[in-house]
Structures are given as structure tokens and as C-alpha cells.
Amino acid sequence: MLDPKQIEQWVAAGLGCEHLAVKGDGQHFEALIVSAEFEGLNRVQRQQRVYQTVLHKLNSGELHALSLQTLTPDEWKTTRG
């Protein structure tokens, strides 16, 4: 069973993150990712970028459900008030 910290490590290894938080129950996971690399990318492109970091785990079936919220640093500041 996967631990959310494992997913955080995989994402952080492939993507520069200002903030990264993953939660889940071992089967289904949700991630909040804040990265300057998302600047100029639409929602789909941002998700594709994140999925590149965990593609090997998705392809193997080890990871099969990951919901994403992807924000730029400016968007993150705005949502935090």
C-alpha cells in the first residue's frame, strides 16, 4: 500500500515545487502542488506535467488514482488570502 509521502517524493524529484501536499487512503490520493513551472500552462498541461513524474508508477499499476490541484505561486497566494 502506498504512503502519501512516497508520492510527494516522486513528484518533488521531477518537479520544482514551492508547496506539495498529498493525502490519501493508500488507494486514492489527492495532491496540492504549487510550482512556478505551471506558469503559462493550462490545467491539462499542468496535470500532464505532474503525471510525467509518476508515470512509471501509473504504468505499473502501483498508483492508479491521483486527483490534482495545480497552482502557480501567485495563484496559491491569492487562494490563501
Protein backbone atom coordinates (compact mmCIF):
# COMPACT_ATOMS: atom_id res chain seq x y z
CA MET A 1 0.00 0.00 0.00
CA LEU A 2 1.31 3.42 -0.96
CA ASP A 3 2.01 6.16 1.52
CA PRO A 4 1.27 9.79 0.53
CA LYS A 5 4.89 10.68 1.40
CA GLN A 6 6.10 8.32 -1.33
CA ILE A 7 4.05 10.17 -3.92
CA GLU A 8 5.35 13.51 -2.62
CA GLN A 9 8.91 12.22 -3.09
CA TRP A 10 8.26 11.09 -6.67
CA VAL A 11 6.65 14.40 -7.64
CA ALA A 12 9.31 16.50 -5.90
CA ALA A 13 12.07 14.55 -7.65
CA GLY A 14 10.72 15.54 -11.06
CA LEU A 15 9.13 18.93 -10.48
CA GLY A 16 10.25 22.05 -8.64
CA CYS A 17 7.57 22.63 -6.02
CA GLU A 18 7.05 25.57 -3.71
CA HIS A 19 4.37 23.62 -1.88
CA LEU A 20 3.43 19.97 -2.14
CA ALA A 21 0.89 18.09 -0.07
CA VAL A 22 -0.53 14.65 -0.80
CA LYS A 23 -3.20 12.90 1.22
CA GLY A 24 -4.95 9.63 0.67
CA ASP A 25 -6.07 6.28 1.97
CA GLY A 26 -3.50 4.05 0.29
CA GLN A 27 -5.64 3.61 -2.83
CA HIS A 28 -6.92 7.07 -3.79
CA PHE A 29 -4.84 10.21 -3.41
CA GLU A 30 -5.26 13.97 -3.71
CA ALA A 31 -2.35 16.31 -4.32
CA LEU A 32 -2.00 20.06 -3.99
CA ILE A 33 1.02 21.20 -5.97
CA VAL A 34 2.33 24.74 -6.25
CA SER A 35 5.05 25.24 -8.86
CA ALA A 36 6.46 28.08 -10.92
CA GLU A 37 6.73 25.53 -13.73
CA PHE A 38 2.95 25.85 -14.16
CA GLU A 39 3.23 29.47 -15.33
CA GLY A 40 1.69 29.79 -18.80
CA LEU A 41 0.29 26.25 -18.79
CA ASN A 42 -3.39 25.41 -18.88
CA ARG A 43 -4.96 22.94 -16.46
CA VAL A 44 -4.45 19.91 -18.71
CA GLN A 45 -0.82 20.79 -19.42
CA ARG A 46 -0.17 21.19 -15.69
CA GLN A 47 -1.66 17.79 -14.96
CA GLN A 48 0.34 16.21 -17.76
CA ARG A 49 3.48 17.73 -16.27
CA VAL A 50 2.74 16.20 -12.86
CA TYR A 51 1.79 12.83 -14.33
CA GLN A 52 5.21 12.70 -16.03
CA THR A 53 6.75 12.49 -12.55
CA VAL A 54 4.70 9.43 -11.55
CA LEU A 55 4.20 7.79 -14.95
CA HIS A 56 6.29 4.75 -14.05
CA LYS A 57 4.03 4.08 -11.04
CA LEU A 58 0.86 4.65 -13.06
CA ASN A 59 2.05 2.28 -15.79
CA SER A 60 2.95 -0.41 -13.28
CA GLY A 61 -0.47 -0.14 -11.61
CA GLU A 62 1.09 0.69 -8.25
CA LEU A 63 -0.60 4.11 -8.40
CA HIS A 64 -3.98 4.34 -10.06
CA ALA A 65 -5.94 7.26 -8.61
CA LEU A 66 -4.39 10.70 -8.18
CA SER A 67 -6.52 13.86 -8.18
CA LEU A 68 -4.61 17.07 -8.71
CA GLN A 69 -4.94 20.70 -7.78
CA THR A 70 -2.15 22.58 -9.56
CA LEU A 71 -1.40 26.22 -8.85
CA THR A 72 1.24 28.78 -9.69
CA PRO A 73 2.82 30.61 -6.75
CA ASP A 74 0.69 33.72 -7.48
CA GLU A 75 -2.50 31.62 -7.61
CA TRP A 76 -1.51 29.97 -4.33
CA LYS A 77 -1.01 33.35 -2.64
CA THR A 78 -4.42 34.50 -3.90
CA THR A 79 -6.24 31.41 -2.65
CA ARG A 80 -4.60 31.66 0.77
CA GLY A 81 -5.83 35.24 1.17
